[in-house]
């Protein structure tokens, strides 16, 4: 059940990253400051990077099974996308200031996901 869910989330995340990137380039560019547009674009980039990372997690789940570190990595990437990219989108579009501290929490979740993948790799080396 985990693999199809990660595939759906990765596909939706990739799709919305492309849509939001186009929206930023064509709809927001004349309306936002350079700093706000840059923040929005950073959110799009990290969303796409982690949609692809989620596909990597999916491939590893298919290969190794749904191990705990892979589950942690997948869910950390999903939550990181929501918190990191979502907060950047909100801030760029004039959302509430309390979104500012949310961004680093999303970044921390991305780091948790990558660390979990490091554990998967270390375990694979052992045996």
PDB file of N, CA and C in Angstrom:
ATOM      1  N   UNK A   1       0.821  -1.208   0.000  1.00  0.00           N
ATOM      2  CA  UNK A   1       0.000   0.000   0.000  1.00  0.00           C
ATOM      3  C   UNK A   1       0.858   1.262   0.000  1.00  0.00           C
ATOM      4  N   UNK A   2       2.042   1.177   0.588  1.00  0.00           N
ATOM      5  CA  UNK A   2       2.926   2.331   0.681  1.00  0.00           C
ATOM      6  C   UNK A   2       3.420   2.781  -0.691  1.00  0.00           C
ATOM      7  N   UNK A   3       3.805   1.827  -1.540  1.00  0.00           N
ATOM      8  CA  UNK A   3       4.363   2.168  -2.849  1.00  0.00           C
ATOM      9  C   UNK A   3       3.378   2.945  -3.719  1.00  0.00           C
ATOM     10  N   UNK A   4       2.133   2.515  -3.867  1.00  0.00           N
ATOM     11  CA  UNK A   4       1.213   3.302  -4.703  1.00  0.00           C
ATOM     12  C   UNK A   4       0.962   4.705  -4.149  1.00  0.00           C
ATOM     13  N   UNK A   5       0.917   4.823  -2.843  1.00  0.00           N
ATOM     14  CA  UNK A   5       0.700   6.137  -2.232  1.00  0.00           C
ATOM     15  C   UNK A   5       1.868   7.071  -2.529  1.00  0.00           C
ATOM     16  N   UNK A   6       3.104   6.576  -2.375  1.00  0.00           N
ATOM     17  CA  UNK A   6       4.269   7.401  -2.689  1.00  0.00           C
ATOM     18  C   UNK A   6       4.301   7.763  -4.168  1.00  0.00           C
ATOM     19  N   UNK A   7       3.891   6.850  -5.037  1.00  0.00           N
ATOM     20  CA  UNK A   7       3.846   7.156  -6.471  1.00  0.00           C
ATOM     21  C   UNK A   7       2.843   8.260  -6.759  1.00  0.00           C
ATOM     22  N   UNK A   8       1.681   8.180  -6.158  1.00  0.00           N
ATOM     23  CA  UNK A   8       0.654   9.211  -6.369  1.00  0.00           C
ATOM     24  C   UNK A   8       1.139  10.558  -5.842  1.00  0.00           C
ATOM     25  N   UNK A   9       1.721  10.577  -4.658  1.00  0.00           N
ATOM     26  CA  UNK A   9       2.210  11.841  -4.093  1.00  0.00           C
ATOM     27  C   UNK A   9       3.349  12.406  -4.944  1.00  0.00           C
ATOM     28  N   UNK A  10       4.264  11.548  -5.398  1.00  0.00           N
ATOM     29  CA  UNK A  10       5.368  12.009  -6.245  1.00  0.00           C
ATOM     30  C   UNK A  10       4.836  12.580  -7.552  1.00  0.00           C
ATOM     31  N   UNK A  11       3.878  11.913  -8.170  1.00  0.00           N
ATOM     32  CA  UNK A  11       3.313  12.398  -9.426  1.00  0.00           C
ATOM     33  C   UNK A  11       2.578  13.717  -9.234  1.00  0.00           C
ATOM     34  N   UNK A  12       1.783  13.817  -8.185  1.00  0.00           N
ATOM     35  CA  UNK A  12       1.078  15.071  -7.910  1.00  0.00           C
ATOM     36  C   UNK A  12       2.050  16.195  -7.593  1.00  0.00           C
ATOM     37  N   UNK A  13       3.098  15.874  -6.862  1.00  0.00           N
ATOM     38  CA  UNK A  13       4.083  16.882  -6.514  1.00  0.00           C
ATOM     39  C   UNK A  13       4.842  17.357  -7.750  1.00  0.00           C
ATOM     40  N   UNK A  14       5.242  16.435  -8.602  1.00  0.00           N
ATOM     41  CA  UNK A  14       5.914  16.815  -9.839  1.00  0.00           C
ATOM     42  C   UNK A  14       5.015  17.637 -10.746  1.00  0.00           C
ATOM     43  N   UNK A  15       3.770  17.208 -10.873  1.00  0.00           N
ATOM     44  CA  UNK A  15       2.807  17.937 -11.704  1.00  0.00           C
ATOM     45  C   UNK A  15       2.584  19.348 -11.185  1.00  0.00           C
ATOM     46  N   UNK A  16       2.355  19.479  -9.885  1.00  0.00           N
ATOM     47  CA  UNK A  16       2.104  20.819  -9.348  1.00  0.00           C
ATOM     48  C   UNK A  16       3.357  21.684  -9.386  1.00  0.00           C
ATOM     49  N   UNK A  17       4.544  21.073  -9.284  1.00  0.00           N
ATOM     50  CA  UNK A  17       5.779  21.857  -9.405  1.00  0.00           C
ATOM     51  C   UNK A  17       5.889  22.460 -10.802  1.00  0.00           C
ATOM     52  N   UNK A  18       5.560  21.678 -11.817  1.00  0.00           N
ATOM     53  CA  UNK A  18       5.595  22.196 -13.195  1.00  0.00           C
ATOM     54  C   UNK A  18       4.556  23.308 -13.366  1.00  0.00           C
ATOM     55  N   UNK A  19       3.353  23.088 -12.868  1.00  0.00           N
ATOM     56  CA  UNK A  19       2.290  24.099 -12.980  1.00  0.00           C
ATOM     57  C   UNK A  19       2.688  25.374 -12.240  1.00  0.00           C
ATOM     58  N   UNK A  20       3.187  25.229 -11.017  1.00  0.00           N
ATOM     59  CA  UNK A  20       3.573  26.407 -10.233  1.00  0.00           C
ATOM     60  C   UNK A  20       4.774  27.122 -10.834  1.00  0.00           C
ATOM     61  N   UNK A  21       5.698  26.363 -11.421  1.00  0.00           N
ATOM     62  CA  UNK A  21       6.837  26.987 -12.088  1.00  0.00           C
ATOM     63  C   UNK A  21       6.397  27.822 -13.275  1.00  0.00           C
ATOM     64  N   UNK A  22       5.470  27.299 -14.052  1.00  0.00           N
ATOM     65  CA  UNK A  22       4.935  28.054 -15.191  1.00  0.00           C
ATOM     66  C   UNK A  22       4.154  29.273 -14.704  1.00  0.00           C
ATOM     67  N   UNK A  23       3.386  29.095 -13.654  1.00  0.00           N
ATOM     68  CA  UNK A  23       2.629  30.201 -13.074  1.00  0.00           C
ATOM     69  C   UNK A  23       3.559  31.313 -12.603  1.00  0.00           C
ATOM     70  N   UNK A  24       4.671  30.909 -11.969  1.00  0.00           N
ATOM     71  CA  UNK A  24       5.632  31.905 -11.494  1.00  0.00           C
ATOM     72  C   UNK A  24       6.251  32.660 -12.665  1.00  0.00           C
ATOM     73  N   UNK A  25       6.630  31.925 -13.701  1.00  0.00           N
ATOM     74  CA  UNK A  25       7.319  32.539 -14.841  1.00  0.00           C
ATOM     75  C   UNK A  25       6.404  33.455 -15.646  1.00  0.00           C
ATOM     76  N   UNK A  26       5.150  33.080 -15.753  1.00  0.00           N
ATOM     77  CA  UNK A  26       4.251  33.825 -16.642  1.00  0.00           C
ATOM     78  C   UNK A  26       3.230  34.689 -15.917  1.00  0.00           C
ATOM     79  N   UNK A  27       2.823  34.273 -14.729  1.00  0.00           N
ATOM     80  CA  UNK A  27       1.782  35.018 -14.036  1.00  0.00           C
ATOM     81  C   UNK A  27       2.271  35.870 -12.882  1.00  0.00           C
ATOM     82  N   UNK A  28       3.298  35.395 -12.211  1.00  0.00           N
ATOM     83  CA  UNK A  28       3.758  36.113 -11.021  1.00  0.00           C
ATOM     84  C   UNK A  28       4.915  37.066 -11.289  1.00  0.00           C
ATOM     85  N   UNK A  29       5.687  36.793 -12.323  1.00  0.00           N
ATOM     86  CA  UNK A  29       6.885  37.596 -12.572  1.00  0.00           C
ATOM     87  C   UNK A  29       6.604  39.092 -12.589  1.00  0.00           C
ATOM     88  N   UNK A  30       5.548  39.547 -13.262  1.00  0.00           N
ATOM     89  CA  UNK A  30       5.301  40.997 -13.257  1.00  0.00           C
ATOM     90  C   UNK A  30       4.668  41.513 -11.959  1.00  0.00           C
ATOM     91  N   UNK A  31       4.244  40.610 -11.081  1.00  0.00           N
ATOM     92  CA  UNK A  31       3.497  41.036  -9.893  1.00  0.00           C
ATOM     93  C   UNK A  31       4.285  40.964  -8.584  1.00  0.00           C
ATOM     94  N   UNK A  32       5.364  40.185  -8.566  1.00  0.00           N
ATOM     95  CA  UNK A  32       6.107  39.991  -7.322  1.00  0.00           C
ATOM     96  C   UNK A  32       7.457  40.680  -7.388  1.00  0.00           C
ATOM     97  N   UNK A  33       7.971  41.013  -6.222  1.00  0.00           N
ATOM     98  CA  UNK A  33       9.338  41.529  -6.152  1.00  0.00           C
ATOM     99  C   UNK A  33      10.294  40.411  -6.555  1.00  0.00           C
ATOM    100  N   UNK A  34      11.533  40.787  -6.857  1.00  0.00           N
ATOM    101  CA  UNK A  34      12.528  39.773  -7.214  1.00  0.00           C
ATOM    102  C   UNK A  34      12.738  38.791  -6.070  1.00  0.00           C
ATOM    103  N   UNK A  35      12.759  39.309  -4.839  1.00  0.00           N
ATOM    104  CA  UNK A  35      12.974  38.441  -3.676  1.00  0.00           C
ATOM    105  C   UNK A  35      11.818  37.458  -3.504  1.00  0.00           C
ATOM    106  N   UNK A  36      10.600  37.931  -3.653  1.00  0.00           N
ATOM    107  CA  UNK A  36       9.441  37.052  -3.498  1.00  0.00           C
ATOM    108  C   UNK A  36       9.396  36.016  -4.618  1.00  0.00           C
ATOM    109  N   UNK A  37       9.693  36.439  -5.839  1.00  0.00           N
ATOM    110  CA  UNK A  37       9.710  35.511  -6.964  1.00  0.00           C
ATOM    111  C   UNK A  37      10.803  34.461  -6.778  1.00  0.00           C
ATOM    112  N   UNK A  38      11.950  34.880  -6.288  1.00  0.00           N
ATOM    113  CA  UNK A  38      13.046  33.944  -6.032  1.00  0.00           C
ATOM    114  C   UNK A  38      12.650  32.915  -4.972  1.00  0.00           C
ATOM    115  N   UNK A  39      11.985  33.362  -3.918  1.00  0.00           N
ATOM    116  CA  UNK A  39      11.525  32.438  -2.872  1.00  0.00           C
ATOM    117  C   UNK A  39      10.528  31.438  -3.446  1.00  0.00           C
ATOM    118  N   UNK A  40       9.607  31.919  -4.267  1.00  0.00           N
ATOM    119  CA  UNK A  40       8.610  31.047  -4.889  1.00  0.00           C
ATOM    120  C   UNK A  40       9.310  30.002  -5.757  1.00  0.00           C
ATOM    121  N   UNK A  41      10.276  30.457  -6.566  1.00  0.00           N
ATOM    122  CA  UNK A  41      11.003  29.548  -7.454  1.00  0.00           C
ATOM    123  C   UNK A  41      11.826  28.525  -6.668  1.00  0.00           C
ATOM    124  N   UNK A  42      12.364  28.934  -5.525  1.00  0.00           N
ATOM    125  CA  UNK A  42      13.082  27.985  -4.671  1.00  0.00           C
ATOM    126  C   UNK A  42      12.127  26.897  -4.186  1.00  0.00           C
ATOM    127  N   UNK A  43      10.918  27.289  -3.810  1.00  0.00           N
ATOM    128  CA  UNK A  43       9.914  26.306  -3.410  1.00  0.00           C
ATOM    129  C   UNK A  43       9.619  25.321  -4.522  1.00  0.00           C
ATOM    130  N   UNK A  44       9.497  25.821  -5.746  1.00  0.00           N
ATOM    131  CA  UNK A  44       9.229  24.954  -6.903  1.00  0.00           C
ATOM    132  C   UNK A  44      10.389  23.977  -7.113  1.00  0.00           C
ATOM    133  N   UNK A  45      11.616  24.488  -7.055  1.00  0.00           N
ATOM    134  CA  UNK A  45      12.784  23.624  -7.270  1.00  0.00           C
ATOM    135  C   UNK A  45      12.852  22.514  -6.230  1.00  0.00           C
ATOM    136  N   UNK A  46      12.703  22.865  -4.975  1.00  0.00           N
ATOM    137  CA  UNK A  46      12.796  21.850  -3.932  1.00  0.00           C
ATOM    138  C   UNK A  46      11.624  20.878  -3.997  1.00  0.00           C
ATOM    139  N   UNK A  47      10.474  21.344  -4.413  1.00  0.00           N
ATOM    140  CA  UNK A  47       9.335  20.443  -4.583  1.00  0.00           C
ATOM    141  C   UNK A  47       9.651  19.413  -5.660  1.00  0.00           C
ATOM    142  N   UNK A  48      10.210  19.871  -6.786  1.00  0.00           N
ATOM    143  CA  UNK A  48      10.530  18.933  -7.865  1.00  0.00           C
ATOM    144  C   UNK A  48      11.655  17.987  -7.454  1.00  0.00           C
ATOM    145  N   UNK A  49      12.707  18.517  -6.824  1.00  0.00           N
ATOM    146  CA  UNK A  49      13.797  17.642  -6.388  1.00  0.00           C
ATOM    147  C   UNK A  49      13.265  16.516  -5.508  1.00  0.00           C
ATOM    148  N   UNK A  50      12.362  16.858  -4.606  1.00  0.00           N
ATOM    149  CA  UNK A  50      11.904  15.866  -3.648  1.00  0.00           C
ATOM    150  C   UNK A  50      10.770  15.005  -4.192  1.00  0.00           C
ATOM    151  N   UNK A  51      10.100  15.450  -5.242  1.00  0.00           N
ATOM    152  CA  UNK A  51       9.194  14.551  -5.964  1.00  0.00           C
ATOM    153  C   UNK A  51      10.026  13.442  -6.607  1.00  0.00           C
ATOM    154  N   UNK A  52      11.154  13.826  -7.193  1.00  0.00           N
ATOM    155  CA  UNK A  52      12.051  12.831  -7.798  1.00  0.00           C
ATOM    156  C   UNK A  52      12.674  11.937  -6.723  1.00  0.00           C
ATOM    157  N   UNK A  53      13.037  12.523  -5.590  1.00  0.00           N
ATOM    158  CA  UNK A  53      13.585  11.722  -4.486  1.00  0.00           C
ATOM    159  C   UNK A  53      12.544  10.713  -4.006  1.00  0.00           C
ATOM    160  N   UNK A  54      11.298  11.120  -3.987  1.00  0.00           N
ATOM    161  CA  UNK A  54      10.231  10.203  -3.576  1.00  0.00           C
ATOM    162  C   UNK A  54      10.106   9.042  -4.557  1.00  0.00           C
ATOM    163  N   UNK A  55      10.323   9.311  -5.844  1.00  0.00           N
ATOM    164  CA  UNK A  55      10.341   8.208  -6.815  1.00  0.00           C
ATOM    165  C   UNK A  55      11.508   7.262  -6.532  1.00  0.00           C
ATOM    166  N   UNK A  56      12.650   7.827  -6.105  1.00  0.00           N
ATOM    167  CA  UNK A  56      13.780   6.982  -5.709  1.00  0.00           C
ATOM    168  C   UNK A  56      13.439   6.119  -4.510  1.00  0.00           C
ATOM    169  N   UNK A  57      12.744   6.697  -3.546  1.00  0.00           N
ATOM    170  CA  UNK A  57      12.299   5.922  -2.381  1.00  0.00           C
ATOM    171  C   UNK A  57      11.369   4.807  -2.841  1.00  0.00           C
ATOM    172  N   UNK A  58      10.484   5.122  -3.747  1.00  0.00           N
ATOM    173  CA  UNK A  58       9.555   4.121  -4.277  1.00  0.00           C
ATOM    174  C   UNK A  58      10.322   2.971  -4.924  1.00  0.00           C
ATOM    175  N   UNK A  59      11.338   3.282  -5.714  1.00  0.00           N
ATOM    176  CA  UNK A  59      12.141   2.231  -6.345  1.00  0.00           C
ATOM    177  C   UNK A  59      12.827   1.368  -5.285  1.00  0.00           C
ATOM    178  N   UNK A  60      13.334   2.003  -4.247  1.00  0.00           N
ATOM    179  CA  UNK A  60      13.991   1.256  -3.172  1.00  0.00           C
ATOM    180  C   UNK A  60      12.992   0.404  -2.390  1.00  0.00           C
ATOM    181  N   UNK A  61      11.777   0.901  -2.203  1.00  0.00           N
ATOM    182  CA  UNK A  61      10.736   0.103  -1.534  1.00  0.00           C
ATOM    183  C   UNK A  61      10.443  -1.147  -2.358  1.00  0.00           C
ATOM    184  N   UNK A  62      10.385  -0.972  -3.674  1.00  0.00           N
ATOM    185  CA  UNK A  62      10.133  -2.125  -4.555  1.00  0.00           C
ATOM    186  C   UNK A  62      11.281  -3.129  -4.492  1.00  0.00           C
ATOM    187  N   UNK A  63      12.510  -2.636  -4.337  1.00  0.00           N
ATOM    188  CA  UNK A  63      13.699  -3.478  -4.331  1.00  0.00           C
ATOM    189  C   UNK A  63      13.927  -4.132  -2.969  1.00  0.00           C
ATOM    190  N   UNK A  64      13.833  -3.328  -1.896  1.00  0.00           N
ATOM    191  CA  UNK A  64      14.186  -3.795  -0.558  1.00  0.00           C
ATOM    192  C   UNK A  64      12.996  -4.090   0.336  1.00  0.00           C
ATOM    193  N   UNK A  65      11.814  -3.701  -0.095  1.00  0.00           N
ATOM    194  CA  UNK A  65      10.640  -3.822   0.755  1.00  0.00           C
ATOM    195  C   UNK A  65      10.456  -2.548   1.573  1.00  0.00           C
ATOM    196  N   UNK A  66       9.293  -2.404   2.192  1.00  0.00           N
ATOM    197  CA  UNK A  66       8.987  -1.169   2.936  1.00  0.00           C
ATOM    198  C   UNK A  66       9.655  -1.126   4.303  1.00  0.00           C
ATOM    199  N   UNK A  67      10.970  -0.988   4.320  1.00  0.00           N
ATOM    200  CA  UNK A  67      11.703  -0.931   5.583  1.00  0.00           C
ATOM    201  C   UNK A  67      11.372   0.367   6.312  1.00  0.00           C
ATOM    202  N   UNK A  68      11.624   0.371   7.602  1.00  0.00           N
ATOM    203  CA  UNK A  68      11.344   1.564   8.403  1.00  0.00           C
ATOM    204  C   UNK A  68      12.110   2.796   7.895  1.00  0.00           C
ATOM    205  N   UNK A  69      13.422   2.688   7.607  1.00  0.00           N
ATOM    206  CA  UNK A  69      14.110   3.882   7.113  1.00  0.00           C
ATOM    207  C   UNK A  69      13.537   4.405   5.788  1.00  0.00           C
ATOM    208  N   UNK A  70      13.082   3.526   4.924  1.00  0.00           N
ATOM    209  CA  UNK A  70      12.466   3.988   3.671  1.00  0.00           C
ATOM    210  C   UNK A  70      11.130   4.662   3.931  1.00  0.00           C
ATOM    211  N   UNK A  71      10.382   4.133   4.882  1.00  0.00           N
ATOM    212  CA  UNK A  71       9.126   4.791   5.237  1.00  0.00           C
ATOM    213  C   UNK A  71       9.388   6.170   5.828  1.00  0.00           C
ATOM    214  N   UNK A  72      10.395   6.250   6.695  1.00  0.00           N
ATOM    215  CA  UNK A  72      10.759   7.543   7.286  1.00  0.00           C
ATOM    216  C   UNK A  72      11.177   8.511   6.181  1.00  0.00           C
ATOM    217  N   UNK A  73      12.022   8.054   5.255  1.00  0.00           N
ATOM    218  CA  UNK A  73      12.477   8.917   4.162  1.00  0.00           C
ATOM    219  C   UNK A  73      11.296   9.418   3.342  1.00  0.00           C
ATOM    220  N   UNK A  74      10.424   8.519   2.952  1.00  0.00           N
ATOM    221  CA  UNK A  74       9.275   8.907   2.131  1.00  0.00           C
ATOM    222  C   UNK A  74       8.379   9.917   2.815  1.00  0.00           C
ATOM    223  N   UNK A  75       8.011   9.638   4.048  1.00  0.00           N
ATOM    224  CA  UNK A  75       7.120  10.552   4.759  1.00  0.00           C
ATOM    225  C   UNK A  75       7.814  11.868   5.093  1.00  0.00           C
ATOM    226  N   UNK A  76       9.117  11.821   5.353  1.00  0.00           N
ATOM    227  CA  UNK A  76       9.849  13.065   5.611  1.00  0.00           C
ATOM    228  C   UNK A  76       9.886  13.930   4.352  1.00  0.00           C
ATOM    229  N   UNK A  77      10.077  13.314   3.186  1.00  0.00           N
ATOM    230  CA  UNK A  77      10.057  14.075   1.939  1.00  0.00           C
ATOM    231  C   UNK A  77       8.672  14.672   1.678  1.00  0.00           C
ATOM    232  N   UNK A  78       7.634  13.894   1.918  1.00  0.00           N
ATOM    233  CA  UNK A  78       6.263  14.401   1.717  1.00  0.00           C
ATOM    234  C   UNK A  78       6.009  15.601   2.637  1.00  0.00           C
ATOM    235  N   UNK A  79       6.298  15.438   3.913  1.00  0.00           N
ATOM    236  CA  UNK A  79       6.067  16.528   4.868  1.00  0.00           C
ATOM    237  C   UNK A  79       6.974  17.715   4.572  1.00  0.00           C
ATOM    238  N   UNK A  80       8.200  17.441   4.156  1.00  0.00           N
ATOM    239  CA  UNK A  80       9.118  18.523   3.805  1.00  0.00           C
ATOM    240  C   UNK A  80       8.612  19.344   2.634  1.00  0.00           C
ATOM    241  N   UNK A  81       8.072  18.687   1.632  1.00  0.00           N
ATOM    242  CA  UNK A  81       7.495  19.399   0.484  1.00  0.00           C
ATOM    243  C   UNK A  81       6.381  20.327   0.952  1.00  0.00           C
ATOM    244  N   UNK A  82       5.489  19.788   1.761  1.00  0.00           N
ATOM    245  CA  UNK A  82       4.360  20.588   2.235  1.00  0.00           C
ATOM    246  C   UNK A  82       4.844  21.781   3.054  1.00  0.00           C
ATOM    247  N   UNK A  83       5.732  21.523   4.005  1.00  0.00           N
ATOM    248  CA  UNK A  83       6.157  22.599   4.912  1.00  0.00           C
ATOM    249  C   UNK A  83       7.143  23.562   4.258  1.00  0.00           C
ATOM    250  N   UNK A  84       8.176  23.045   3.603  1.00  0.00           N
ATOM    251  CA  UNK A  84       9.195  23.911   3.016  1.00  0.00           C
ATOM    252  C   UNK A  84       8.630  24.673   1.817  1.00  0.00           C
ATOM    253  N   UNK A  85       8.214  23.927   0.806  1.00  0.00           N
ATOM    254  CA  UNK A  85       7.724  24.593  -0.402  1.00  0.00           C
ATOM    255  C   UNK A  85       6.435  25.353  -0.125  1.00  0.00           C
ATOM    256  N   UNK A  86       5.542  24.739   0.615  1.00  0.00           N
ATOM    257  CA  UNK A  86       4.267  25.403   0.915  1.00  0.00           C
ATOM    258  C   UNK A  86       4.451  26.712   1.646  1.00  0.00           C
ATOM    259  N   UNK A  87       5.364  26.742   2.612  1.00  0.00           N
ATOM    260  CA  UNK A  87       5.577  27.990   3.344  1.00  0.00           C
ATOM    261  C   UNK A  87       6.223  29.045   2.448  1.00  0.00           C
ATOM    262  N   UNK A  88       7.135  28.634   1.560  1.00  0.00           N
ATOM    263  CA  UNK A  88       7.733  29.605   0.634  1.00  0.00           C
ATOM    264  C   UNK A  88       6.685  30.175  -0.317  1.00  0.00           C
ATOM    265  N   UNK A  89       5.788  29.332  -0.797  1.00  0.00           N
ATOM    266  CA  UNK A  89       4.711  29.830  -1.673  1.00  0.00           C
ATOM    267  C   UNK A  89       3.867  30.846  -0.913  1.00  0.00           C
ATOM    268  N   UNK A  90       3.498  30.486   0.299  1.00  0.00           N
ATOM    269  CA  UNK A  90       2.672  31.384   1.100  1.00  0.00           C
ATOM    270  C   UNK A  90       3.353  32.704   1.386  1.00  0.00           C
ATOM    271  N   UNK A  91       4.611  32.647   1.781  1.00  0.00           N
ATOM    272  CA  UNK A  91       5.352  33.882   2.071  1.00  0.00           C
ATOM    273  C   UNK A  91       5.500  34.749   0.828  1.00  0.00           C
ATOM    274  N   UNK A  92       5.818  34.133  -0.296  1.00  0.00           N
ATOM    275  CA  UNK A  92       6.001  34.894  -1.538  1.00  0.00           C
ATOM    276  C   UNK A  92       4.713  35.584  -1.969  1.00  0.00           C
ATOM    277  N   UNK A  93       3.585  34.960  -1.665  1.00  0.00           N
ATOM    278  CA  UNK A  93       2.286  35.515  -2.072  1.00  0.00           C
ATOM    279  C   UNK A  93       1.675  36.412  -1.006  1.00  0.00           C
ATOM    280  N   UNK A  94       2.471  36.765   0.025  1.00  0.00           N
ATOM    281  CA  UNK A  94       1.986  37.701   1.036  1.00  0.00           C
ATOM    282  C   UNK A  94       1.270  37.066   2.202  1.00  0.00           C
ATOM    283  N   UNK A  95       1.530  35.787   2.437  1.00  0.00           N
ATOM    284  CA  UNK A  95       0.894  35.087   3.544  1.00  0.00           C
ATOM    285  C   UNK A  95       1.382  35.586   4.889  1.00  0.00           C
ATOM    286  N   UNK A  96       0.850  35.029   5.964  1.00  0.00           N
ATOM    287  CA  UNK A  96       1.200  35.491   7.306  1.00  0.00           C
ATOM    288  C   UNK A  96       2.669  35.237   7.632  1.00  0.00           C
ATOM    289  N   UNK A  97       3.197  36.094   8.464  1.00  0.00           N
ATOM    290  CA  UNK A  97       4.620  36.024   8.824  1.00  0.00           C
ATOM    291  C   UNK A  97       4.972  34.761   9.597  1.00  0.00           C
ATOM    292  N   UNK A  98       3.991  34.135  10.263  1.00  0.00           N
ATOM    293  CA  UNK A  98       4.295  32.941  11.036  1.00  0.00           C
ATOM    294  C   UNK A  98       4.749  31.796  10.133  1.00  0.00           C
ATOM    295  N   UNK A  99       4.556  31.926   8.810  1.00  0.00           N
ATOM    296  CA  UNK A  99       5.046  30.900   7.893  1.00  0.00           C
ATOM    297  C   UNK A  99       6.577  30.878   7.827  1.00  0.00           C
ATOM    298  N   UNK A 100       7.219  31.992   8.164  1.00  0.00           N
ATOM    299  CA  UNK A 100       8.675  32.072   8.112  1.00  0.00           C
ATOM    300  C   UNK A 100       9.384  30.964   8.876  1.00  0.00           C
ATOM    301  N   UNK A 101       9.011  30.707  10.133  1.00  0.00           N
ATOM    302  CA  UNK A 101       9.672  29.635  10.876  1.00  0.00           C
ATOM    303  C   UNK A 101       9.301  28.223  10.402  1.00  0.00           C
ATOM    304  N   UNK A 102       8.273  28.104   9.586  1.00  0.00           N
ATOM    305  CA  UNK A 102       7.873  26.793   9.079  1.00  0.00           C
ATOM    306  C   UNK A 102       8.869  26.295   8.027  1.00  0.00           C
ATOM    307  N   UNK A 103       9.425  27.215   7.251  1.00  0.00           N
ATOM    308  CA  UNK A 103      10.334  26.844   6.163  1.00  0.00           C
ATOM    309  C   UNK A 103      11.508  25.998   6.658  1.00  0.00           C
ATOM    310  N   UNK A 104      12.223  26.421   7.712  1.00  0.00           N
ATOM    311  CA  UNK A 104      13.335  25.578   8.164  1.00  0.00           C
ATOM    312  C   UNK A 104      12.890  24.220   8.708  1.00  0.00           C
ATOM    313  N   UNK A 105      11.678  24.132   9.233  1.00  0.00           N
ATOM    314  CA  UNK A 105      11.177  22.821   9.674  1.00  0.00           C
ATOM    315  C   UNK A 105      11.046  21.883   8.480  1.00  0.00           C
ATOM    316  N   UNK A 106      10.559  22.421   7.370  1.00  0.00           N
ATOM    317  CA  UNK A 106      10.487  21.615   6.146  1.00  0.00           C
ATOM    318  C   UNK A 106      11.869  21.210   5.670  1.00  0.00           C
ATOM    319  N   UNK A 107      12.825  22.139   5.753  1.00  0.00           N
ATOM    320  CA  UNK A 107      14.197  21.815   5.383  1.00  0.00           C
ATOM    321  C   UNK A 107      14.779  20.729   6.279  1.00  0.00           C
ATOM    322  N   UNK A 108      14.468  20.798   7.555  1.00  0.00           N
ATOM    323  CA  UNK A 108      14.918  19.771   8.490  1.00  0.00           C
ATOM    324  C   UNK A 108      14.335  18.409   8.112  1.00  0.00           C
ATOM    325  N   UNK A 109      13.085  18.391   7.710  1.00  0.00           N
ATOM    326  CA  UNK A 109      12.472  17.127   7.288  1.00  0.00           C
ATOM    327  C   UNK A 109      13.134  16.577   6.033  1.00  0.00           C
ATOM    328  N   UNK A 110      13.527  17.460   5.113  1.00  0.00           N
ATOM    329  CA  UNK A 110      14.284  16.991   3.945  1.00  0.00           C
ATOM    330  C   UNK A 110      15.581  16.317   4.414  1.00  0.00           C
ATOM    331  N   UNK A 111      16.267  16.928   5.379  1.00  0.00           N
ATOM    332  CA  UNK A 111      17.509  16.345   5.897  1.00  0.00           C
ATOM    333  C   UNK A 111      17.262  15.000   6.579  1.00  0.00           C
ATOM    334  N   UNK A 112      16.137  14.894   7.294  1.00  0.00           N
ATOM    335  CA  UNK A 112      15.769  13.618   7.912  1.00  0.00           C
ATOM    336  C   UNK A 112      15.581  12.552   6.829  1.00  0.00           C
ATOM    337  N   UNK A 113      14.907  12.919   5.753  1.00  0.00           N
ATOM    338  CA  UNK A 113      14.694  11.972   4.657  1.00  0.00           C
ATOM    339  C   UNK A 113      15.994  11.500   4.035  1.00  0.00           C
ATOM    340  N   UNK A 114      16.894  12.434   3.775  1.00  0.00           N
ATOM    341  CA  UNK A 114      18.186  12.058   3.180  1.00  0.00           C
ATOM    342  C   UNK A 114      19.015  11.236   4.159  1.00  0.00           C
ATOM    343  N   UNK A 115      18.929  11.544   5.447  1.00  0.00           N
ATOM    344  CA  UNK A 115      19.654  10.761   6.450  1.00  0.00           C
ATOM    345  C   UNK A 115      19.101   9.342   6.517  1.00  0.00           C
ATOM    346  N   UNK A 116      17.794   9.215   6.409  1.00  0.00           N
ATOM    347  CA  UNK A 116      17.182   7.877   6.398  1.00  0.00           C
ATOM    348  C   UNK A 116      17.667   7.081   5.189  1.00  0.00           C
ATOM    349  N   UNK A 117      17.833   7.737   4.052  1.00  0.00           N
ATOM    350  CA  UNK A 117      18.369   7.042   2.882  1.00  0.00           C
ATOM    351  C   UNK A 117      19.826   6.641   3.091  1.00  0.00           C
ATOM    352  N   UNK A 118      20.562   7.464   3.806  1.00  0.00           N
ATOM    353  CA  UNK A 118      21.942   7.120   4.154  1.00  0.00           C
ATOM    354  C   UNK A 118      21.966   5.836   4.992  1.00  0.00           C
ATOM    355  N   UNK A 119      21.023   5.718   5.910  1.00  0.00           N
ATOM    356  CA  UNK A 119      20.909   4.489   6.729  1.00  0.00           C
ATOM    357  C   UNK A 119      20.608   3.301   5.835  1.00  0.00           C
ATOM    358  N   UNK A 120      19.719   3.468   4.869  1.00  0.00           N
ATOM    359  CA  UNK A 120      19.390   2.386   3.942  1.00  0.00           C
ATOM    360  C   UNK A 120      20.649   1.936   3.198  1.00  0.00           C
ATOM    361  N   UNK A 121      21.423   2.897   2.715  1.00  0.00           N
ATOM    362  CA  UNK A 121      22.650   2.567   2.000  1.00  0.00           C
ATOM    363  C   UNK A 121      23.668   1.873   2.880  1.00  0.00           C
ATOM    364  N   UNK A 122      23.828   2.346   4.105  1.00  0.00           N
ATOM    365  CA  UNK A 122      24.780   1.726   5.030  1.00  0.00           C
ATOM    366  C   UNK A 122      24.365   0.293   5.343  1.00  0.00           C
ATOM    367  N   UNK A 123      23.077   0.072   5.531  1.00  0.00           N
ATOM    368  CA  UNK A 123      22.588  -1.293   5.811  1.00  0.00           C
ATOM    369  C   UNK A 123      22.799  -2.194   4.601  1.00  0.00           C
ATOM    370  N   UNK A 124      22.617  -1.635   3.396  1.00  0.00           N
ATOM    371  CA  UNK A 124      22.806  -2.434   2.178  1.00  0.00           C
ATOM    372  C   UNK A 124      24.274  -2.845   2.024  1.00  0.00           C
ATOM    373  N   UNK A 125      25.190  -1.976   2.444  1.00  0.00           N
ATOM    374  CA  UNK A 125      26.615  -2.308   2.374  1.00  0.00           C
ATOM    375  C   UNK A 125      26.962  -3.475   3.315  1.00  0.00           C
ATOM    376  N   UNK A 126      26.295  -3.513   4.460  1.00  0.00           N
ATOM    377  CA  UNK A 126      26.576  -4.553   5.456  1.00  0.00           C
ATOM    378  C   UNK A 126      26.096  -5.920   4.986  1.00  0.00           C
ATOM    379  N   UNK A 127      25.030  -5.902   4.195  1.00  0.00           N
ATOM    380  CA  UNK A 127      24.675  -7.235   3.875  1.00  0.00           C
ATOM    381  C   UNK A 127      23.510  -7.616   3.178  1.00  0.00           C
TER     382      UNK A 127
END
